[in-house]
Structure formats: structure tokens, C-alpha cells
């Protein structure tokens, strides 16, 4: 009986200390903005590679390049936007402007 009470109290303490996974806050929004500013250019080789694997090398060097340049501009711009607006919960609850949040996510 005593062990059961100790286990229940321990579990209650553990569950009361947990936080929501992937919680968004202004610090995470600022960090995400900086990361996207610094790594926006990675969209170019990433999209070249992805298009080469999905289609052909020629497609990667043409379509992938154009798509990569476009996404690099968009990701860098989103990073600037999130860095400037980090104190404000815009979009709601500091949600990311782009999906995936980072160039390396899928």
C-alpha cells in the first residue's frame, strides 16, 4: 500500500512538471527567424537535389534551380519577418509562417 502511494505521488509530480511539446513562444519565433535568415540559401541545393532524385539531373539543374532560388527568397524573407515581429503573437500563438519551419524539416 505504501509503495502504491509513493508511486502515485511520484507520477503526479512528474506529470505536473511536464510542458507542452513544441510550444511556440517569442524566443522560439526569434530563433526560427534567425535560422531561416542564415539558412535560406540552402533551399537552392536542396531543391536541385530533390528535383534530380524525383525527375532527372536535367530537371534538377533547371526546375530545381529555379524553385530553389524562389524558395530561398521566400524562406529568407519569412526569417526577416519573424525576426522583426518576434514580440507579437502574429500569426496566432507564434505559429510558423512557413511549413516546414526550417529548411531541413519535411
N, C-alpha and C. Protein backbone atom coordinates (compact mmCIF):
# COMPACT_ATOMS: atom_id res chain seq x y z
N UNK A 1 0.82 -1.19 0.00
CA UNK A 1 0.00 0.00 0.00
C UNK A 1 0.88 1.26 0.00
N UNK A 2 1.92 1.22 0.84
CA UNK A 2 2.80 2.37 0.94
C UNK A 2 3.54 2.61 -0.38
N UNK A 3 3.96 1.53 -1.05
CA UNK A 3 4.64 1.65 -2.34
C UNK A 3 3.70 2.26 -3.38
N UNK A 4 2.43 1.86 -3.37
CA UNK A 4 1.44 2.39 -4.31
C UNK A 4 1.26 3.88 -4.16
N UNK A 5 1.21 4.35 -2.92
CA UNK A 5 1.05 5.79 -2.67
C UNK A 5 2.29 6.54 -3.15
N UNK A 6 3.46 5.99 -2.89
CA UNK A 6 4.71 6.63 -3.32
C UNK A 6 4.77 6.70 -4.84
N UNK A 7 4.37 5.63 -5.51
CA UNK A 7 4.36 5.62 -6.98
C UNK A 7 3.37 6.64 -7.51
N UNK A 8 2.18 6.72 -6.92
CA UNK A 8 1.17 7.69 -7.37
C UNK A 8 1.66 9.12 -7.17
N UNK A 9 2.26 9.41 -6.03
CA UNK A 9 2.78 10.75 -5.77
C UNK A 9 3.90 11.09 -6.76
N UNK A 10 4.78 10.13 -7.01
CA UNK A 10 5.86 10.36 -7.97
C UNK A 10 5.32 10.63 -9.37
N UNK A 11 4.33 9.86 -9.80
CA UNK A 11 3.73 10.08 -11.12
C UNK A 11 3.04 11.43 -11.20
N UNK A 12 2.34 11.82 -10.15
CA UNK A 12 1.69 13.14 -10.14
C UNK A 12 2.72 14.25 -10.23
N UNK A 13 3.84 14.11 -9.54
CA UNK A 13 4.89 15.12 -9.62
C UNK A 13 5.48 15.20 -11.02
N UNK A 14 5.71 14.06 -11.63
CA UNK A 14 6.27 14.04 -12.99
C UNK A 14 5.32 14.69 -13.98
N UNK A 15 4.04 14.31 -13.91
CA UNK A 15 3.06 14.86 -14.86
C UNK A 15 2.82 16.35 -14.63
N UNK A 16 2.97 16.83 -13.41
CA UNK A 16 2.75 18.25 -13.16
C UNK A 16 3.91 19.11 -13.65
N UNK A 17 5.07 18.52 -13.87
CA UNK A 17 6.24 19.26 -14.31
C UNK A 17 6.41 19.29 -15.83
N UNK A 18 5.61 18.54 -16.55
CA UNK A 18 5.77 18.47 -18.00
C UNK A 18 5.21 19.73 -18.65
N UNK A 19 5.73 20.04 -19.83
CA UNK A 19 5.24 21.16 -20.61
C UNK A 19 4.75 20.65 -21.95
N UNK A 20 4.03 21.48 -22.64
CA UNK A 20 3.52 21.10 -23.94
C UNK A 20 4.68 20.97 -24.92
N UNK A 21 4.72 19.88 -25.66
CA UNK A 21 5.78 19.69 -26.65
C UNK A 21 5.59 20.67 -27.79
N UNK A 22 6.67 21.16 -28.30
CA UNK A 22 6.68 22.08 -29.44
C UNK A 22 5.89 23.35 -29.15
N UNK A 23 5.89 23.81 -27.92
CA UNK A 23 5.20 25.05 -27.58
C UNK A 23 5.87 26.20 -28.31
N UNK A 24 5.08 27.09 -28.83
CA UNK A 24 5.58 28.25 -29.54
C UNK A 24 5.61 29.44 -28.59
N UNK A 25 6.68 30.17 -28.61
CA UNK A 25 6.78 31.40 -27.84
C UNK A 25 7.65 32.38 -28.61
N UNK A 26 7.81 33.59 -28.04
CA UNK A 26 8.55 34.62 -28.79
C UNK A 26 10.02 34.26 -28.96
N UNK A 27 10.61 33.56 -28.01
CA UNK A 27 12.00 33.14 -28.14
C UNK A 27 12.20 32.16 -29.28
N UNK A 28 11.28 31.21 -29.40
CA UNK A 28 11.37 30.24 -30.49
C UNK A 28 11.14 30.92 -31.84
N UNK A 29 10.22 31.90 -31.86
CA UNK A 29 9.96 32.62 -33.10
C UNK A 29 11.20 33.42 -33.53
N UNK A 30 11.88 34.05 -32.57
CA UNK A 30 13.10 34.80 -32.89
C UNK A 30 14.19 33.87 -33.39
N UNK A 31 14.37 32.75 -32.71
CA UNK A 31 15.39 31.78 -33.14
C UNK A 31 15.08 31.22 -34.52
N UNK A 32 13.80 30.90 -34.77
CA UNK A 32 13.39 30.39 -36.07
C UNK A 32 13.67 31.43 -37.16
N UNK A 33 13.42 32.70 -36.86
CA UNK A 33 13.69 33.77 -37.82
C UNK A 33 15.17 33.86 -38.17
N UNK A 34 16.03 33.84 -37.14
CA UNK A 34 17.47 33.88 -37.38
C UNK A 34 17.95 32.68 -38.18
N UNK A 35 17.46 31.50 -37.82
CA UNK A 35 17.88 30.29 -38.53
C UNK A 35 17.46 30.37 -40.00
N UNK A 36 16.25 30.83 -40.26
CA UNK A 36 15.78 30.91 -41.65
C UNK A 36 16.52 31.99 -42.44
N UNK A 37 16.93 33.06 -41.77
CA UNK A 37 17.75 34.06 -42.47
C UNK A 37 19.10 33.47 -42.85
N UNK A 38 19.70 32.75 -41.92
CA UNK A 38 21.04 32.21 -42.15
C UNK A 38 21.06 31.01 -43.10
N UNK A 39 19.98 30.23 -43.13
CA UNK A 39 19.98 29.00 -43.93
C UNK A 39 19.04 29.06 -45.13
N UNK A 40 18.50 30.21 -45.43
CA UNK A 40 17.59 30.31 -46.57
C UNK A 40 18.23 29.88 -47.88
N UNK A 41 19.50 30.16 -48.04
CA UNK A 41 20.22 29.80 -49.27
C UNK A 41 20.31 28.29 -49.47
N UNK A 42 20.15 27.51 -48.41
CA UNK A 42 20.25 26.05 -48.51
C UNK A 42 19.11 25.48 -49.35
N UNK A 43 18.05 26.27 -49.53
CA UNK A 43 16.94 25.83 -50.38
C UNK A 43 17.41 25.55 -51.81
N UNK A 44 18.43 26.25 -52.29
CA UNK A 44 18.89 26.07 -53.67
C UNK A 44 19.46 24.67 -53.89
N UNK A 45 20.50 24.26 -53.17
CA UNK A 45 21.00 22.89 -53.41
C UNK A 45 19.99 21.82 -53.00
N UNK A 46 19.17 22.09 -51.99
CA UNK A 46 18.17 21.12 -51.56
C UNK A 46 17.16 20.85 -52.68
N UNK A 47 16.66 21.90 -53.30
CA UNK A 47 15.68 21.72 -54.37
C UNK A 47 16.31 21.15 -55.64
N UNK A 48 17.55 21.47 -55.91
CA UNK A 48 18.24 20.85 -57.05
C UNK A 48 18.34 19.35 -56.82
N UNK A 49 18.75 18.97 -55.62
CA UNK A 49 18.88 17.54 -55.29
C UNK A 49 17.52 16.84 -55.35
N UNK A 50 16.51 17.44 -54.72
CA UNK A 50 15.18 16.82 -54.69
C UNK A 50 14.62 16.62 -56.10
N UNK A 51 14.76 17.63 -56.95
CA UNK A 51 14.26 17.51 -58.32
C UNK A 51 15.07 16.50 -59.11
N UNK A 52 16.35 16.42 -58.87
CA UNK A 52 17.19 15.43 -59.56
C UNK A 52 16.79 14.01 -59.19
N UNK A 53 16.49 13.79 -57.93
CA UNK A 53 16.10 12.46 -57.46
C UNK A 53 14.71 12.08 -57.98
N UNK A 54 13.79 13.04 -57.94
CA UNK A 54 12.41 12.75 -58.35
C UNK A 54 12.26 12.64 -59.86
N UNK A 55 12.95 13.48 -60.60
CA UNK A 55 12.78 13.52 -62.06
C UNK A 55 14.05 13.04 -62.77
N UNK A 56 14.95 14.00 -63.01
CA UNK A 56 16.22 13.69 -63.69
C UNK A 56 17.24 14.77 -63.33
N UNK A 57 18.47 14.55 -63.72
CA UNK A 57 19.51 15.53 -63.43
C UNK A 57 19.22 16.84 -64.15
N UNK A 58 18.76 16.73 -65.39
CA UNK A 58 18.42 17.94 -66.16
C UNK A 58 17.32 18.73 -65.47
N UNK A 59 16.31 18.03 -64.96
CA UNK A 59 15.22 18.69 -64.23
C UNK A 59 15.74 19.35 -62.96
N UNK A 60 16.66 18.70 -62.29
CA UNK A 60 17.24 19.27 -61.09
C UNK A 60 18.00 20.54 -61.36
N UNK A 61 18.75 20.55 -62.47
CA UNK A 61 19.56 21.72 -62.80
C UNK A 61 18.75 22.87 -63.37
N UNK A 62 17.54 22.61 -63.81
CA UNK A 62 16.71 23.68 -64.36
C UNK A 62 15.57 24.02 -63.40
N UNK A 63 14.62 23.11 -63.30
CA UNK A 63 13.44 23.35 -62.45
C UNK A 63 13.84 23.47 -60.98
N UNK A 64 14.72 22.58 -60.54
CA UNK A 64 15.16 22.61 -59.15
C UNK A 64 15.89 23.90 -58.80
N UNK A 65 16.70 24.39 -59.73
CA UNK A 65 17.42 25.64 -59.51
C UNK A 65 16.45 26.81 -59.36
N UNK A 66 15.49 26.89 -60.28
CA UNK A 66 14.52 27.99 -60.23
C UNK A 66 13.68 27.90 -58.96
N UNK A 67 13.21 26.71 -58.66
CA UNK A 67 12.41 26.51 -57.44
C UNK A 67 13.25 26.84 -56.20
N UNK A 68 14.51 26.43 -56.19
CA UNK A 68 15.39 26.70 -55.06
C UNK A 68 15.64 28.18 -54.84
N UNK A 69 15.87 28.91 -55.91
CA UNK A 69 16.08 30.36 -55.79
C UNK A 69 14.82 31.02 -55.25
N UNK A 70 13.66 30.61 -55.76
CA UNK A 70 12.41 31.18 -55.28
C UNK A 70 12.18 30.88 -53.81
N UNK A 71 12.40 29.63 -53.41
CA UNK A 71 12.20 29.26 -52.02
C UNK A 71 13.24 29.90 -51.10
N UNK A 72 14.45 30.13 -51.61
CA UNK A 72 15.47 30.81 -50.80
C UNK A 72 15.03 32.23 -50.48
N UNK A 73 14.46 32.90 -51.47
CA UNK A 73 13.95 34.26 -51.26
C UNK A 73 12.80 34.24 -50.26
N UNK A 74 11.87 33.30 -50.44
CA UNK A 74 10.71 33.20 -49.55
C UNK A 74 11.16 32.88 -48.12
N UNK A 75 12.04 31.89 -47.95
CA UNK A 75 12.46 31.48 -46.60
C UNK A 75 13.25 32.60 -45.91
N UNK A 76 14.12 33.26 -46.64
CA UNK A 76 14.88 34.37 -46.05
C UNK A 76 13.95 35.52 -45.68
N UNK A 77 12.99 35.81 -46.55
CA UNK A 77 12.00 36.86 -46.25
C UNK A 77 11.15 36.51 -45.03
N UNK A 78 10.75 35.25 -44.93
CA UNK A 78 9.98 34.81 -43.76
C UNK A 78 10.83 34.93 -42.50
N UNK A 79 12.12 34.64 -42.61
CA UNK A 79 13.01 34.78 -41.47
C UNK A 79 13.13 36.23 -41.02
N UNK A 80 13.24 37.14 -41.98
CA UNK A 80 13.29 38.56 -41.64
C UNK A 80 11.99 38.99 -40.97
N UNK A 81 10.86 38.56 -41.53
CA UNK A 81 9.56 38.90 -40.97
C UNK A 81 9.42 38.39 -39.53
N UNK A 82 9.81 37.13 -39.30
CA UNK A 82 9.68 36.57 -37.96
C UNK A 82 10.66 37.21 -36.98
N UNK A 83 11.82 37.62 -37.44
CA UNK A 83 12.78 38.29 -36.57
C UNK A 83 12.27 39.66 -36.15
N UNK A 84 11.67 40.38 -37.09
CA UNK A 84 11.16 41.72 -36.79
C UNK A 84 9.92 41.65 -35.90
N UNK A 85 9.05 40.68 -36.14
CA UNK A 85 7.77 40.61 -35.41
C UNK A 85 7.78 39.63 -34.25
N UNK A 86 8.97 39.20 -33.79
CA UNK A 86 9.02 38.17 -32.75
C UNK A 86 8.29 38.53 -31.46
N UNK A 87 8.18 39.81 -31.04
CA UNK A 87 7.48 40.06 -29.78
C UNK A 87 5.96 39.93 -29.87
N UNK A 88 5.44 39.86 -31.07
CA UNK A 88 3.98 39.85 -31.26
C UNK A 88 3.50 38.46 -31.66
N UNK A 89 2.38 38.00 -31.10
CA UNK A 89 1.87 36.66 -31.44
C UNK A 89 1.13 36.63 -32.77
N UNK A 90 1.84 37.04 -33.82
CA UNK A 90 1.28 37.06 -35.17
C UNK A 90 2.13 36.13 -36.03
N UNK A 91 1.63 35.11 -36.67
CA UNK A 91 0.29 34.54 -36.59
C UNK A 91 -0.02 34.05 -35.16
N UNK A 92 -1.24 33.66 -34.96
CA UNK A 92 -1.73 33.31 -33.63
C UNK A 92 -0.80 32.32 -32.93
N UNK A 93 -0.50 32.61 -31.68
CA UNK A 93 0.34 31.77 -30.83
C UNK A 93 1.75 31.55 -31.39
N UNK A 94 2.29 32.54 -32.09
CA UNK A 94 3.65 32.49 -32.62
C UNK A 94 3.87 31.31 -33.57
N UNK A 95 2.84 30.92 -34.27
CA UNK A 95 2.94 29.79 -35.22
C UNK A 95 3.90 30.15 -36.35
N UNK A 96 4.55 29.16 -36.94
CA UNK A 96 5.49 29.45 -38.03
C UNK A 96 4.77 29.96 -39.28
N UNK A 97 5.45 30.83 -40.01
CA UNK A 97 4.90 31.39 -41.24
C UNK A 97 4.99 30.36 -42.36
N UNK A 98 6.07 29.59 -42.38
CA UNK A 98 6.29 28.57 -43.41
C UNK A 98 6.23 27.18 -42.82
N UNK A 99 5.82 26.24 -43.62
CA UNK A 99 5.89 24.83 -43.27
C UNK A 99 6.73 24.14 -44.32
N UNK A 100 7.72 23.40 -43.98
CA UNK A 100 8.23 23.14 -42.64
C UNK A 100 8.90 24.38 -42.06
N UNK A 101 9.02 24.40 -40.74
CA UNK A 101 9.58 25.57 -40.05
C UNK A 101 10.99 25.90 -40.53
N UNK A 102 11.77 24.87 -40.77
CA UNK A 102 13.18 25.04 -41.14
C UNK A 102 13.43 24.35 -42.47
N UNK A 103 14.49 24.76 -43.15
CA UNK A 103 14.82 24.19 -44.45
C UNK A 103 15.08 22.69 -44.36
N UNK A 104 15.52 22.21 -43.21
CA UNK A 104 15.87 20.81 -43.07
C UNK A 104 14.68 19.94 -42.69
N UNK A 105 13.54 20.54 -42.34
CA UNK A 105 12.36 19.76 -41.94
C UNK A 105 11.56 19.29 -43.14
N UNK A 106 10.82 18.26 -42.97
CA UNK A 106 9.94 17.77 -44.05
C UNK A 106 8.66 17.28 -43.48
